[in-house]
PDB file of N, CA and C in Angstrom:
ATOM      1  N   MET A   1      -8.378   0.265 -12.759  1.00  0.00           N
ATOM      2  CA  MET A   1      -8.737  -0.595 -13.594  1.00  0.00           C
ATOM      3  C   MET A   1     -10.106  -1.986 -13.622  1.00  0.00           C
ATOM      4  N   LEU A   2     -10.463  -2.440 -12.650  1.00  0.00           N
ATOM      5  CA  LEU A   2     -11.426  -3.479 -11.528  1.00  0.00           C
ATOM      6  C   LEU A   2     -13.059  -2.892 -12.499  1.00  0.00           C
ATOM      7  N   ASP A   3     -12.538  -1.255 -12.060  1.00  0.00           N
ATOM      8  CA  ASP A   3     -14.147  -0.404 -12.638  1.00  0.00           C
ATOM      9  C   ASP A   3     -14.399  -0.053 -13.850  1.00  0.00           C
ATOM     10  N   GLU A   4     -13.442  -0.649 -14.654  1.00  0.00           N
ATOM     11  CA  GLU A   4     -13.803  -0.978 -15.722  1.00  0.00           C
ATOM     12  C   GLU A   4     -14.345  -1.798 -16.504  1.00  0.00           C
ATOM     13  N   GLY A   5     -13.758  -3.141 -15.745  1.00  0.00           N
ATOM     14  CA  GLY A   5     -14.758  -4.213 -16.281  1.00  0.00           C
ATOM     15  C   GLY A   5     -13.300  -4.979 -16.431  1.00  0.00           C
ATOM     16  N   ALA A   6     -12.033  -4.728 -16.196  1.00  0.00           N
ATOM     17  CA  ALA A   6     -11.034  -5.374 -16.504  1.00  0.00           C
ATOM     18  C   ALA A   6     -10.594  -6.603 -15.302  1.00  0.00           C
ATOM     19  N   GLU A   7     -10.211  -7.698 -15.916  1.00  0.00           N
ATOM     20  CA  GLU A   7      -9.704  -9.048 -15.361  1.00  0.00           C
ATOM     21  C   GLU A   7      -8.148  -8.944 -14.600  1.00  0.00           C
ATOM     22  N   LEU A   8      -7.430  -9.147 -13.453  1.00  0.00           N
ATOM     23  CA  LEU A   8      -6.517  -8.250 -13.570  1.00  0.00           C
ATOM     24  C   LEU A   8      -5.985  -9.802 -12.877  1.00  0.00           C
ATOM     25  N   GLU A   9      -4.384  -9.963 -13.205  1.00  0.00           N
ATOM     26  CA  GLU A   9      -3.515 -11.127 -13.367  1.00  0.00           C
ATOM     27  C   GLU A   9      -2.904 -10.870 -11.772  1.00  0.00           C
ATOM     28  N   LEU A  10      -2.844 -10.479 -10.639  1.00  0.00           N
ATOM     29  CA  LEU A  10      -1.503  -9.897 -10.443  1.00  0.00           C
ATOM     30  C   LEU A  10      -0.379 -10.259 -10.020  1.00  0.00           C
ATOM     31  N   ARG A  11       0.643  -9.938  -9.527  1.00  0.00           N
ATOM     32  CA  ARG A  11       2.475 -11.192  -9.156  1.00  0.00           C
ATOM     33  C   ARG A  11       2.835 -10.082  -8.336  1.00  0.00           C
ATOM     34  N   ASP A  12       3.125 -10.376  -7.017  1.00  0.00           N
ATOM     35  CA  ASP A  12       4.442  -9.386  -6.741  1.00  0.00           C
ATOM     36  C   ASP A  12       6.142  -9.922  -6.798  1.00  0.00           C
ATOM     37  N   ILE A  13       6.077  -9.592  -7.641  1.00  0.00           N
ATOM     38  CA  ILE A  13       7.980  -9.714  -8.112  1.00  0.00           C
ATOM     39  C   ILE A  13       8.627  -9.293  -7.202  1.00  0.00           C
ATOM     40  N   GLY A  14       8.217  -9.033  -6.135  1.00  0.00           N
ATOM     41  CA  GLY A  14       9.492  -8.361  -4.869  1.00  0.00           C
ATOM     42  C   GLY A  14       9.428 -10.137  -4.402  1.00  0.00           C
ATOM     43  N   LYS A  15       7.931 -11.059  -4.389  1.00  0.00           N
ATOM     44  CA  LYS A  15       8.465 -12.219  -3.421  1.00  0.00           C
ATOM     45  C   LYS A  15       8.305 -13.310  -4.615  1.00  0.00           C
ATOM     46  N   GLU A  16       7.973 -12.943  -6.263  1.00  0.00           N
ATOM     47  CA  GLU A  16       7.646 -14.274  -6.670  1.00  0.00           C
ATOM     48  C   GLU A  16       8.379 -13.159  -8.386  1.00  0.00           C
ATOM     49  N   ARG A  17       9.854 -13.432  -8.062  1.00  0.00           N
ATOM     50  CA  ARG A  17      10.599 -11.416  -9.133  1.00  0.00           C
ATOM     51  C   ARG A  17      10.580 -12.836 -10.023  1.00  0.00           C
ATOM     52  N   LEU A  18      10.630 -12.461 -11.152  1.00  0.00           N
ATOM     53  CA  LEU A  18      11.273 -12.303 -12.391  1.00  0.00           C
ATOM     54  C   LEU A  18      12.560 -12.199 -13.134  1.00  0.00           C
ATOM     55  N   THR A  19      12.300 -13.730 -14.162  1.00  0.00           N
ATOM     56  CA  THR A  19      13.442 -14.838 -14.574  1.00  0.00           C
ATOM     57  C   THR A  19      13.911 -13.822 -15.545  1.00  0.00           C
ATOM     58  N   GLU A  20      15.350 -13.507 -15.610  1.00  0.00           N
ATOM     59  CA  GLU A  20      16.222 -12.766 -17.042  1.00  0.00           C
ATOM     60  C   GLU A  20      15.057 -13.443 -18.479  1.00  0.00           C
ATOM     61  N   SER A  21      14.953 -14.190 -18.303  1.00  0.00           N
ATOM     62  CA  SER A  21      14.546 -14.859 -20.028  1.00  0.00           C
ATOM     63  C   SER A  21      12.506 -14.414 -19.654  1.00  0.00           C
ATOM     64  N   GLU A  22      12.431 -14.444 -18.626  1.00  0.00           N
ATOM     65  CA  GLU A  22      10.402 -13.074 -18.843  1.00  0.00           C
ATOM     66  C   GLU A  22      11.056 -11.378 -18.418  1.00  0.00           C
ATOM     67  N   LEU A  23      12.095 -11.213 -18.328  1.00  0.00           N
ATOM     68  CA  LEU A  23      12.401  -9.394 -18.802  1.00  0.00           C
ATOM     69  C   LEU A  23      12.908  -9.819 -20.160  1.00  0.00           C
ATOM     70  N   ASP A  24      13.667 -10.791 -20.680  1.00  0.00           N
ATOM     71  CA  ASP A  24      14.251  -9.641 -21.560  1.00  0.00           C
ATOM     72  C   ASP A  24      12.518 -10.116 -22.757  1.00  0.00           C
ATOM     73  N   ALA A  25      11.425 -11.170 -22.379  1.00  0.00           N
ATOM     74  CA  ALA A  25      10.601 -11.620 -22.999  1.00  0.00           C
ATOM     75  C   ALA A  25       9.370  -9.752 -22.974  1.00  0.00           C
ATOM     76  N   LEU A  26       9.281  -9.784 -21.420  1.00  0.00           N
ATOM     77  CA  LEU A  26       8.802  -8.288 -21.186  1.00  0.00           C
ATOM     78  C   LEU A  26       9.143  -6.978 -21.957  1.00  0.00           C
ATOM     79  N   VAL A  27      10.824  -7.101 -22.313  1.00  0.00           N
ATOM     80  CA  VAL A  27      11.083  -5.888 -23.220  1.00  0.00           C
ATOM     81  C   VAL A  27      10.898  -6.170 -24.472  1.00  0.00           C
ATOM     82  N   GLY A  28      10.930  -7.373 -24.649  1.00  0.00           N
ATOM     83  CA  GLY A  28      11.196  -7.262 -26.139  1.00  0.00           C
ATOM     84  C   GLY A  28      11.467  -6.350 -27.315  1.00  0.00           C
ATOM     85  N   ALA A  29      10.949  -5.422 -27.899  1.00  0.00           N
ATOM     86  CA  ALA A  29      12.085  -4.504 -28.686  1.00  0.00           C
ATOM     87  C   ALA A  29      11.250  -3.407 -28.791  1.00  0.00           C
ATOM     88  N   GLU A  30      11.089  -3.534 -27.298  1.00  0.00           N
ATOM     89  CA  GLU A  30      10.842  -2.569 -26.404  1.00  0.00           C
ATOM     90  C   GLU A  30      12.517  -1.125 -25.877  1.00  0.00           C
ATOM     91  N   ASP A  31      12.642  -0.023 -25.651  1.00  0.00           N
ATOM     92  CA  ASP A  31      13.502   0.658 -24.844  1.00  0.00           C
ATOM     93  C   ASP A  31      13.851  -0.116 -23.664  1.00  0.00           C
ATOM     94  N   TYR A  32      14.487  -0.893 -23.379  1.00  0.00           N
ATOM     95  CA  TYR A  32      14.732  -1.701 -22.055  1.00  0.00           C
ATOM     96  C   TYR A  32      15.028  -0.510 -20.826  1.00  0.00           C
ATOM     97  N   ARG A  33      15.537   0.831 -21.442  1.00  0.00           N
ATOM     98  CA  ARG A  33      15.752   2.030 -20.526  1.00  0.00           C
ATOM     99  C   ARG A  33      14.446   2.465 -19.453  1.00  0.00           C
ATOM    100  N   LYS A  34      13.031   2.077 -20.444  1.00  0.00           N
ATOM    101  CA  LYS A  34      12.094   2.202 -20.097  1.00  0.00           C
ATOM    102  C   LYS A  34      11.300   2.528 -18.621  1.00  0.00           C
ATOM    103  N   PHE A  35      12.725   0.870 -19.118  1.00  0.00           N
ATOM    104  CA  PHE A  35      11.802  -0.150 -17.515  1.00  0.00           C
ATOM    105  C   PHE A  35      12.795  -0.364 -15.912  1.00  0.00           C
ATOM    106  N   LEU A  36      13.534   1.023 -16.126  1.00  0.00           N
ATOM    107  CA  LEU A  36      14.216   0.705 -14.791  1.00  0.00           C
ATOM    108  C   LEU A  36      13.771   2.246 -13.981  1.00  0.00           C
ATOM    109  N   ASN A  37      13.700   1.040 -13.227  1.00  0.00           N
ATOM    110  CA  ASN A  37      12.538   2.659 -11.950  1.00  0.00           C
ATOM    111  C   ASN A  37      14.260   4.007 -11.474  1.00  0.00           C
ATOM    112  N   PRO A  38      14.107   5.344 -12.508  1.00  0.00           N
ATOM    113  CA  PRO A  38      15.109   6.454 -11.687  1.00  0.00           C
ATOM    114  C   PRO A  38      14.855   6.129 -10.241  1.00  0.00           C
ATOM    115  N   ARG A  39      14.113   6.264  -9.657  1.00  0.00           N
ATOM    116  CA  ARG A  39      14.131   5.932  -8.281  1.00  0.00           C
ATOM    117  C   ARG A  39      14.614   4.733  -7.359  1.00  0.00           C
ATOM    118  N   ASN A  40      15.331   4.065  -7.733  1.00  0.00           N
ATOM    119  CA  ASN A  40      15.340   2.991  -6.877  1.00  0.00           C
ATOM    120  C   ASN A  40      17.228   3.644  -6.792  1.00  0.00           C
ATOM    121  N   GLU A  41      17.920   2.681  -5.466  1.00  0.00           N
ATOM    122  CA  GLU A  41      18.400   3.356  -5.122  1.00  0.00           C
ATOM    123  C   GLU A  41      19.926   3.369  -5.825  1.00  0.00           C
ATOM    124  N   LEU A  42      19.828   1.960  -6.741  1.00  0.00           N
ATOM    125  CA  LEU A  42      21.053   1.705  -7.515  1.00  0.00           C
ATOM    126  C   LEU A  42      21.433   2.021  -8.931  1.00  0.00           C
ATOM    127  N   TYR A  43      20.417   2.934  -9.022  1.00  0.00           N
ATOM    128  CA  TYR A  43      19.388   3.527 -10.621  1.00  0.00           C
ATOM    129  C   TYR A  43      21.034   4.632 -10.303  1.00  0.00           C
ATOM    130  N   ARG A  44      20.214   5.595  -9.262  1.00  0.00           N
ATOM    131  CA  ARG A  44      21.180   6.476  -8.782  1.00  0.00           C
ATOM    132  C   ARG A  44      22.598   5.926  -8.257  1.00  0.00           C
ATOM    133  N   GLU A  45      22.632   5.774  -7.331  1.00  0.00           N
ATOM    134  CA  GLU A  45      24.364   5.020  -7.458  1.00  0.00           C
ATOM    135  C   GLU A  45      24.836   4.733  -8.263  1.00  0.00           C
ATOM    136  N   ARG A  46      24.804   4.900  -9.316  1.00  0.00           N
ATOM    137  CA  ARG A  46      25.330   4.020 -11.078  1.00  0.00           C
ATOM    138  C   ARG A  46      24.847   5.348 -11.808  1.00  0.00           C
ATOM    139  N   LYS A  47      23.705   5.584 -11.736  1.00  0.00           N
ATOM    140  CA  LYS A  47      23.992   7.082 -12.187  1.00  0.00           C
ATOM    141  C   LYS A  47      23.318   6.806 -13.686  1.00  0.00           C
ATOM    142  N   MET A  48      22.654   5.713 -13.856  1.00  0.00           N
ATOM    143  CA  MET A  48      21.971   4.713 -15.110  1.00  0.00           C
ATOM    144  C   MET A  48      21.415   5.609 -15.439  1.00  0.00           C
ATOM    145  N   GLY A  49      20.952   7.155 -15.559  1.00  0.00           N
ATOM    146  CA  GLY A  49      20.295   8.553 -16.373  1.00  0.00           C
ATOM    147  C   GLY A  49      20.967   8.926 -17.061  1.00  0.00           C
ATOM    148  N   GLU A  50      22.822   9.102 -16.183  1.00  0.00           N
ATOM    149  CA  GLU A  50      23.205   9.519 -17.195  1.00  0.00           C
ATOM    150  C   GLU A  50      24.125   8.117 -18.583  1.00  0.00           C
ATOM    151  N   LYS A  51      24.215   7.299 -17.262  1.00  0.00           N
ATOM    152  CA  LYS A  51      25.193   6.221 -18.153  1.00  0.00           C
ATOM    153  C   LYS A  51      24.578   5.224 -18.318  1.00  0.00           C
ATOM    154  N   PRO A  52      23.775   4.664 -19.203  1.00  0.00           N
ATOM    155  CA  PRO A  52      23.056   3.381 -18.743  1.00  0.00           C
ATOM    156  C   PRO A  52      23.594   1.637 -19.123  1.00  0.00           C
ATOM    157  N   PRO A  53      23.440   1.489 -18.169  1.00  0.00           N
ATOM    158  CA  PRO A  53      23.731  -0.055 -18.517  1.00  0.00           C
ATOM    159  C   PRO A  53      23.344  -0.646 -19.815  1.00  0.00           C
ATOM    160  N   ALA A  54      24.407  -1.630 -20.125  1.00  0.00           N
ATOM    161  CA  ALA A  54      24.028  -2.083 -21.510  1.00  0.00           C
ATOM    162  C   ALA A  54      22.732  -2.738 -21.433  1.00  0.00           C
ATOM    163  N   ARG A  55      21.828  -3.650 -22.537  1.00  0.00           N
ATOM    164  CA  ARG A  55      20.573  -3.644 -22.035  1.00  0.00           C
ATOM    165  C   ARG A  55      20.578  -5.450 -21.799  1.00  0.00           C
ATOM    166  N   ALA A  56      21.730  -6.142 -22.067  1.00  0.00           N
ATOM    167  CA  ALA A  56      21.494  -7.891 -21.134  1.00  0.00           C
ATOM    168  C   ALA A  56      21.673  -7.310 -19.742  1.00  0.00           C
ATOM    169  N   GLU A  57      22.966  -6.422 -19.494  1.00  0.00           N
ATOM    170  CA  GLU A  57      23.081  -5.783 -17.414  1.00  0.00           C
ATOM    171  C   GLU A  57      21.911  -5.336 -16.995  1.00  0.00           C
ATOM    172  N   ALA A  58      21.394  -4.434 -17.997  1.00  0.00           N
ATOM    173  CA  ALA A  58      19.687  -3.811 -17.545  1.00  0.00           C
ATOM    174  C   ALA A  58      19.169  -5.205 -16.861  1.00  0.00           C
ATOM    175  N   ILE A  59      18.956  -6.277 -18.237  1.00  0.00           N
ATOM    176  CA  ILE A  59      17.778  -7.739 -17.582  1.00  0.00           C
ATOM    177  C   ILE A  59      18.258  -8.511 -15.955  1.00  0.00           C
ATOM    178  N   ARG A  60      19.950  -8.072 -16.393  1.00  0.00           N
ATOM    179  CA  ARG A  60      20.378  -9.359 -15.474  1.00  0.00           C
ATOM    180  C   ARG A  60      20.066  -8.148 -13.833  1.00  0.00           C
ATOM    181  N   LEU A  61      20.413  -7.133 -14.021  1.00  0.00           N
ATOM    182  CA  LEU A  61      20.434  -6.342 -12.546  1.00  0.00           C
ATOM    183  C   LEU A  61      18.740  -6.199 -12.114  1.00  0.00           C
ATOM    184  N   MET A  62      17.768  -5.932 -13.083  1.00  0.00           N
ATOM    185  CA  MET A  62      16.722  -5.810 -13.158  1.00  0.00           C
ATOM    186  C   MET A  62      16.091  -7.250 -12.621  1.00  0.00           C
ATOM    187  N   ALA A  63      16.570  -8.493 -12.643  1.00  0.00           N
ATOM    188  CA  ALA A  63      16.295 -10.135 -12.258  1.00  0.00           C
ATOM    189  C   ALA A  63      16.946  -9.923 -10.539  1.00  0.00           C
ATOM    190  N   GLU A  64      18.275  -9.177 -10.786  1.00  0.00           N
ATOM    191  CA  GLU A  64      18.475  -9.737  -8.996  1.00  0.00           C
ATOM    192  C   GLU A  64      17.837  -7.916  -8.554  1.00  0.00           C
ATOM    193  N   GLU A  65      17.628  -7.124  -8.282  1.00  0.00           N
ATOM    194  CA  GLU A  65      17.447  -6.541  -7.548  1.00  0.00           C
ATOM    195  C   GLU A  65      15.609  -5.725  -8.460  1.00  0.00           C
ATOM    196  N   PRO A  66      14.982  -6.983  -8.358  1.00  0.00           N
ATOM    197  CA  PRO A  66      13.828  -6.296  -8.685  1.00  0.00           C
ATOM    198  C   PRO A  66      12.755  -5.149  -8.492  1.00  0.00           C
ATOM    199  N   ASN A  67      13.027  -4.230  -7.690  1.00  0.00           N
ATOM    200  CA  ASN A  67      12.736  -2.204  -7.057  1.00  0.00           C
ATOM    201  C   ASN A  67      13.186  -1.058  -8.203  1.00  0.00           C
ATOM    202  N   LEU A  68      14.171  -2.216  -8.623  1.00  0.00           N
ATOM    203  CA  LEU A  68      15.434  -1.453 -10.265  1.00  0.00           C
ATOM    204  C   LEU A  68      13.957  -1.436 -11.710  1.00  0.00           C
ATOM    205  N   ILE A  69      12.616  -2.642 -11.419  1.00  0.00           N
ATOM    206  CA  ILE A  69      11.725  -1.740 -12.689  1.00  0.00           C
ATOM    207  C   ILE A  69      10.662  -1.808 -11.660  1.00  0.00           C
ATOM    208  N   ARG A  70      10.724  -0.335 -12.725  1.00  0.00           N
ATOM    209  CA  ARG A  70       9.228   0.225 -12.984  1.00  0.00           C
ATOM    210  C   ARG A  70       8.352  -0.203 -13.205  1.00  0.00           C
ATOM    211  N   ARG A  71       7.627   0.244 -11.598  1.00  0.00           N
ATOM    212  CA  ARG A  71       6.467  -0.057 -11.456  1.00  0.00           C
ATOM    213  C   ARG A  71       5.261   0.663 -10.913  1.00  0.00           C
ATOM    214  N   PRO A  72       3.377   0.122 -11.631  1.00  0.00           N
ATOM    215  CA  PRO A  72       3.102  -1.010 -12.017  1.00  0.00           C
ATOM    216  C   PRO A  72       3.342  -1.543 -13.280  1.00  0.00           C
ATOM    217  N   VAL A  73       3.583  -2.809 -14.364  1.00  0.00           N
ATOM    218  CA  VAL A  73       3.816  -3.499 -15.026  1.00  0.00           C
ATOM    219  C   VAL A  73       2.523  -3.773 -15.681  1.00  0.00           C
ATOM    220  N   VAL A  74       1.810  -3.169 -16.223  1.00  0.00           N
ATOM    221  CA  VAL A  74       0.445  -3.757 -16.673  1.00  0.00           C
ATOM    222  C   VAL A  74       0.678  -4.589 -18.368  1.00  0.00           C
ATOM    223  N   LEU A  75       0.148  -5.331 -18.148  1.00  0.00           N
ATOM    224  CA  LEU A  75      -0.030  -6.173 -19.452  1.00  0.00           C
ATOM    225  C   LEU A  75      -1.174  -6.459 -20.041  1.00  0.00           C
ATOM    226  N   ALA A  76      -1.617  -6.379 -21.241  1.00  0.00           N
ATOM    227  CA  ALA A  76      -2.782  -6.550 -21.986  1.00  0.00           C
ATOM    228  C   ALA A  76      -2.166  -7.195 -23.821  1.00  0.00           C
ATOM    229  N   GLY A  77      -2.447  -8.136 -23.926  1.00  0.00           N
ATOM    230  CA  GLY A  77      -2.086  -8.650 -25.069  1.00  0.00           C
ATOM    231  C   GLY A  77      -0.490  -8.061 -25.484  1.00  0.00           C
ATOM    232  N   ARG A  78      -0.283  -7.256 -26.307  1.00  0.00           N
ATOM    233  CA  ARG A  78       1.032  -6.439 -26.767  1.00  0.00           C
ATOM    234  C   ARG A  78       1.427  -5.566 -26.564  1.00  0.00           C
ATOM    235  N   ARG A  79       0.007  -4.557 -25.326  1.00  0.00           N
ATOM    236  CA  ARG A  79       0.020  -3.292 -25.050  1.00  0.00           C
ATOM    237  C   ARG A  79       0.821  -3.743 -23.392  1.00  0.00           C
ATOM    238  N   VAL A  80       2.225  -2.870 -23.386  1.00  0.00           N
ATOM    239  CA  VAL A  80       2.629  -2.627 -21.980  1.00  0.00           C
ATOM    240  C   VAL A  80       2.809  -1.017 -21.473  1.00  0.00           C
ATOM    241  N   VAL A  81       2.086  -1.104 -20.379  1.00  0.00           N
ATOM    242  CA  VAL A  81       2.567   0.158 -19.149  1.00  0.00           C
ATOM    243  C   VAL A  81       3.109   0.290 -18.070  1.00  0.00           C
ATOM    244  N   LEU A  82       3.792   1.050 -17.951  1.00  0.00           N
ATOM    245  CA  LEU A  82       5.124   0.569 -17.117  1.00  0.00           C
ATOM    246  C   LEU A  82       4.952   1.955 -16.130  1.00  0.00           C
ATOM    247  N   GLY A  83       5.536   2.676 -15.191  1.00  0.00           N
ATOM    248  CA  GLY A  83       4.422   3.412 -14.037  1.00  0.00           C
ATOM    249  C   GLY A  83       2.986   3.260 -14.009  1.00  0.00           C
ATOM    250  N   TYR A  84       2.714   4.757 -13.551  1.00  0.00           N
ATOM    251  CA  TYR A  84       1.595   5.198 -12.968  1.00  0.00           C
ATOM    252  C   TYR A  84       1.422   6.039 -14.841  1.00  0.00           C
ATOM    253  N   ASP A  85       0.481   5.631 -15.415  1.00  0.00           N
ATOM    254  CA  ASP A  85       0.374   6.615 -15.925  1.00  0.00           C
ATOM    255  C   ASP A  85      -1.168   6.708 -16.419  1.00  0.00           C
ATOM    256  N   GLU A  86      -1.833   6.776 -15.320  1.00  0.00           N
ATOM    257  CA  GLU A  86      -3.525   7.052 -15.336  1.00  0.00           C
ATOM    258  C   GLU A  86      -4.358   6.608 -17.137  1.00  0.00           C
ATOM    259  N   ALA A  87      -3.954   7.910 -17.673  1.00  0.00           N
ATOM    260  CA  ALA A  87      -4.936   7.505 -19.290  1.00  0.00           C
ATOM    261  C   ALA A  87      -4.666   6.622 -20.382  1.00  0.00           C
ATOM    262  N   ALA A  88      -3.648   6.195 -19.946  1.00  0.00           N
ATOM    263  CA  ALA A  88      -2.670   4.551 -20.389  1.00  0.00           C
ATOM    264  C   ALA A  88      -3.491   3.650 -19.982  1.00  0.00           C
ATOM    265  N   LEU A  89      -3.530   3.505 -18.714  1.00  0.00           N
ATOM    266  CA  LEU A  89      -4.323   2.641 -18.028  1.00  0.00           C
ATOM    267  C   LEU A  89      -5.349   2.344 -17.555  1.00  0.00           C
ATOM    268  N   ARG A  90      -6.297   3.879 -18.104  1.00  0.00           N
ATOM    269  CA  ARG A  90      -7.642   3.211 -18.196  1.00  0.00           C
ATOM    270  C   ARG A  90      -8.095   2.867 -20.054  1.00  0.00           C
ATOM    271  N   GLY A  91      -7.143   3.326 -20.909  1.00  0.00           N
ATOM    272  CA  GLY A  91      -7.440   2.852 -22.172  1.00  0.00           C
ATOM    273  C   GLY A  91      -7.291   1.607 -21.932  1.00  0.00           C
ATOM    274  N   MET A  92      -6.517   1.335 -21.370  1.00  0.00           N
ATOM    275  CA  MET A  92      -6.274  -0.555 -21.441  1.00  0.00           C
ATOM    276  C   MET A  92      -7.371  -0.757 -20.474  1.00  0.00           C
ATOM    277  N   ALA A  93      -7.923  -0.305 -19.691  1.00  0.00           N
ATOM    278  CA  ALA A  93      -8.992  -0.819 -19.167  1.00  0.00           C
ATOM    279  C   ALA A  93     -10.832  -0.792 -19.558  1.00  0.00           C
ATOM    280  N   GLY A  94     -10.610  -0.438 -20.401  1.00  0.00           N
ATOM    281  CA  GLY A  94     -11.214   0.499 -21.839  1.00  0.00           C
ATOM    282  C   GLY A  94     -11.337  -0.592 -22.619  1.00  0.00           C
ATOM    283  N   ASP A  95     -10.141  -0.294 -22.583  1.00  0.00           N
ATOM    284  CA  ASP A  95     -10.056  -2.161 -24.288  1.00  0.00           C
ATOM    285  C   ASP A  95     -10.355  -3.569 -23.623  1.00  0.00           C
ATOM    286  N   ALA A  96     -10.000  -3.507 -22.168  1.00  0.00           N
ATOM    287  CA  ALA A  96     -10.389  -5.045 -21.685  1.00  0.00           C
ATOM    288  C   ALA A  96     -11.249  -5.195 -21.350  1.00  0.00           C
ATOM    289  N   GLY A  97     -12.827  -4.226 -20.853  1.00  0.00           N
ATOM    290  CA  GLY A  97     -13.722  -4.401 -20.483  1.00  0.00           C
ATOM    291  C   GLY A  97     -14.730  -4.291 -21.690  1.00  0.00           C
ATOM    292  N   ALA A  98     -14.062  -3.884 -22.565  1.00  0.00           N
ATOM    293  CA  ALA A  98     -15.319  -4.066 -24.212  1.00  0.00           C
ATOM    294  C   ALA A  98     -14.574  -5.757 -24.351  1.00  0.00           C
ATOM    295  N   ARG A  99     -13.774  -6.144 -24.101  1.00  0.00           N
ATOM    296  CA  ARG A  99     -13.586  -7.467 -25.162  1.00  0.00           C
ATOM    297  C   ARG A  99     -14.323  -8.120 -23.491  1.00  0.00           C
ATOM    298  N   ASN A 100     -14.248  -8.049 -22.844  1.00  0.00           N
ATOM    299  CA  ASN A 100     -15.406  -8.749 -22.349  1.00  0.00           C
ATOM    300  C   ASN A 100     -16.173  -8.813 -22.314  1.00  0.00           C
ATOM    301  N   SER A 101     -16.867  -6.983 -22.112  1.00  0.00           N
ATOM    302  CA  SER A 101     -18.276  -7.296 -22.068  1.00  0.00           C
ATOM    303  C   SER A 101     -19.166  -8.535 -24.196  1.00  0.00           C
ATOM    304  N   ARG A 102     -17.967  -7.944 -24.358  1.00  0.00           N
ATOM    305  CA  ARG A 102     -18.033  -8.755 -26.552  1.00  0.00           C
ATOM    306  C   ARG A 102     -18.329  -9.930 -26.360  1.00  0.00           C
ATOM    307  N   LYS A 103     -17.469 -10.881 -25.015  1.00  0.00           N
ATOM    308  CA  LYS A 103     -17.314 -12.344 -24.293  1.00  0.00           C
ATOM    309  C   LYS A 103     -18.684 -12.727 -24.082  1.00  0.00           C
ATOM    310  N   LYS A 104     -18.888 -11.481 -23.657  1.00  0.00           N
ATOM    311  CA  LYS A 104     -20.583 -11.935 -22.802  1.00  0.00           C
ATOM    312  C   LYS A 104     -21.393 -12.735 -23.391  1.00  0.00           C
ATOM    313  N   LYS A 105     -21.727 -11.150 -24.230  1.00  0.00           N
ATOM    314  CA  LYS A 105     -22.535 -11.294 -24.902  1.00  0.00           C
ATOM    315  C   LYS A 105     -22.656 -12.232 -26.057  1.00  0.00           C
ATOM    316  N   ALA A 106     -21.270 -13.155 -26.460  1.00  0.00           N
ATOM    317  CA  ALA A 106     -21.492 -14.052 -27.167  1.00  0.00           C
ATOM    318  C   ALA A 106     -21.425 -15.857 -26.676  1.00  0.00           C
ATOM    319  N   ARG A 107     -22.097 -15.288 -24.886  1.00  0.00           N
ATOM    320  CA  ARG A 107     -22.049 -16.685 -25.072  1.00  0.00           C
ATOM    321  C   ARG A 107     -23.764 -16.955 -25.405  1.00  0.00           C
TER     322      ARG A 107
END
């Protein structure tokens, strides 16, 4: 994304965890199940793929166990990309690069 001209702000959610209210805002109207990491041990132990927790419980669990969150989580305005989706990330980076170049031209 940096090669595409995007500016990134990084947050290590293992060290600086997301709060329940941050997760609630991040999930917004999206399907909260998309945010759950199917590779996580807790996800597999609780068979969340077959029987997902309620939204509030999922948010609580993700706040307690950040590895339960599918990563990377990339935000650009209201757009959210979860997991490594190269095409979506390139599209997002291209949009950010175009905005940055317009800002530079406007100066």
